[in-house]
Amino acid sequence: MASYAWVLEVRPGYEEEYKKRHDEIWPEMLDTLREAGIRNYNIFRHGLTLFGYFETDDLAAAQAHLKDCPVNAKWGAWMGPIMKIEIDEATNFPFLLPRQFHMA
């Protein structure tokens, strides 16, 4: 299984709201992520910087599933106003970070 990471930002003043929304994440959004093949998904925050980590066996399939999913679109529209999001237009997904180190 491959692992991936992204970096985004929460807008100033929305740190607690971002956490609250994820504490109360919609069950259908969790189902969508699972259906996309995403596992071990974690998001960490340092100041306004968000660092996301997830694993999937097929990144292209996960991205395609999320791109066409109305639940994901609804979640994105709800979260968008409180975040600074840079999307890779080629994948309609946040830019993924290149791995710098791995310890097995």
Protein backbone atom coordinates (compact mmCIF):
# COMPACT_ATOMS: atom_id res chain seq x y z
CA MET A 1 0.00 0.00 0.00
CA ALA A 2 1.31 3.44 -0.91
CA SER A 3 1.19 6.49 1.32
CA TYR A 4 0.55 10.10 0.33
CA ALA A 5 0.54 13.51 1.98
CA TRP A 6 -0.72 17.03 1.30
CA VAL A 7 -0.41 20.47 2.91
CA LEU A 8 -3.27 22.98 3.02
CA GLU A 9 -4.18 25.85 5.31
CA VAL A 10 -7.07 26.74 7.56
CA ARG A 11 -8.05 30.40 7.38
CA PRO A 12 -7.13 32.52 10.41
CA GLY A 13 -9.82 32.42 13.08
CA TYR A 14 -11.32 29.14 11.85
CA GLU A 15 -8.98 26.72 13.61
CA GLU A 16 -11.58 25.55 16.13
CA GLU A 17 -14.34 25.39 13.52
CA TYR A 18 -12.13 23.21 11.31
CA LYS A 19 -11.53 20.82 14.22
CA LYS A 20 -15.24 20.80 15.14
CA ARG A 21 -16.29 19.94 11.59
CA HIS A 22 -13.89 17.01 11.53
CA ASP A 23 -14.94 15.87 15.00
CA GLU A 24 -18.47 15.76 13.58
CA ILE A 25 -17.56 14.49 10.10
CA TRP A 26 -20.56 13.21 8.21
CA PRO A 27 -20.86 9.40 8.21
CA GLU A 28 -21.48 9.54 4.46
CA MET A 29 -18.16 11.37 3.99
CA LEU A 30 -16.35 8.63 5.89
CA ASP A 31 -18.13 6.07 3.71
CA THR A 32 -17.05 7.99 0.60
CA LEU A 33 -13.40 7.94 1.68
CA ARG A 34 -13.58 4.21 2.39
CA GLU A 35 -15.31 3.54 -0.93
CA ALA A 36 -12.51 5.47 -2.64
CA GLY A 37 -10.02 3.06 -1.08
CA ILE A 38 -8.51 5.58 1.31
CA ARG A 39 -7.30 4.21 4.63
CA ASN A 40 -5.31 5.40 7.63
CA TYR A 41 -6.23 9.02 6.89
CA ASN A 42 -4.87 11.54 9.39
CA ILE A 43 -4.84 15.33 9.44
CA PHE A 44 -2.50 17.28 11.71
CA ARG A 45 -2.38 21.04 12.31
CA HIS A 46 0.53 23.32 13.16
CA GLY A 47 -0.64 26.91 13.41
CA LEU A 48 -2.67 27.42 10.25
CA THR A 49 -0.91 24.66 8.32
CA LEU A 50 -2.76 21.38 7.81
CA PHE A 51 -0.81 18.24 6.98
CA GLY A 52 -2.81 15.30 5.65
CA TYR A 53 -1.55 11.73 5.38
CA PHE A 54 -3.41 8.78 3.87
CA GLU A 55 -2.83 5.38 2.31
CA THR A 56 -4.41 3.79 -0.74
CA ASP A 57 -3.65 0.95 -3.11
CA ASP A 58 -4.74 2.92 -6.18
CA LEU A 59 -4.33 6.69 -6.08
CA ALA A 60 -5.82 7.28 -9.54
CA ALA A 61 -8.94 5.27 -8.67
CA ALA A 62 -9.32 7.12 -5.34
CA GLN A 63 -9.00 10.49 -7.05
CA ALA A 64 -11.50 9.50 -9.77
CA HIS A 65 -14.01 8.28 -7.19
CA LEU A 66 -13.78 11.50 -5.17
CA LYS A 67 -13.91 13.72 -8.26
CA ASP A 68 -17.27 12.25 -9.31
CA CYS A 69 -18.80 11.90 -5.84
CA PRO A 70 -21.58 14.34 -4.86
CA VAL A 71 -20.89 13.81 -1.14
CA ASN A 72 -17.26 14.86 -1.62
CA ALA A 73 -18.38 17.89 -3.64
CA LYS A 74 -20.78 18.89 -0.85
CA TRP A 75 -18.05 18.44 1.79
CA GLY A 76 -15.63 20.51 -0.28
CA ALA A 77 -18.17 23.31 -0.67
CA TRP A 78 -18.80 23.30 3.09
CA MET A 79 -15.11 23.29 4.04
CA GLY A 80 -13.88 25.60 1.27
CA PRO A 81 -14.77 28.92 2.91
CA ILE A 82 -12.70 28.14 6.02
CA MET A 83 -9.65 26.84 4.16
CA LYS A 84 -7.01 27.90 1.66
CA ILE A 85 -6.94 25.05 -0.82
CA GLU A 86 -4.61 24.60 -3.77
CA ILE A 87 -5.95 22.00 -6.18
CA ASP A 88 -3.96 20.30 -8.92
CA GLU A 89 -6.17 20.86 -11.96
CA ALA A 90 -4.86 17.68 -13.58
CA THR A 91 -6.22 15.51 -10.76
CA ASN A 92 -8.83 17.76 -9.09
CA PHE A 93 -7.06 16.82 -5.85
CA PRO A 94 -4.75 18.74 -3.50
CA PHE A 95 -1.13 18.79 -4.63
CA LEU A 96 0.64 15.77 -3.15
CA LEU A 97 4.01 16.12 -1.45
CA PRO A 98 7.06 14.27 -2.74
CA ARG A 99 8.40 11.79 -0.19
CA GLN A 100 11.74 12.77 1.28
CA PHE A 101 12.38 9.84 3.60
CA HIS A 102 10.89 6.49 4.55
CA MET A 103 11.86 4.18 7.39
CA ALA A 104 10.48 0.67 7.05
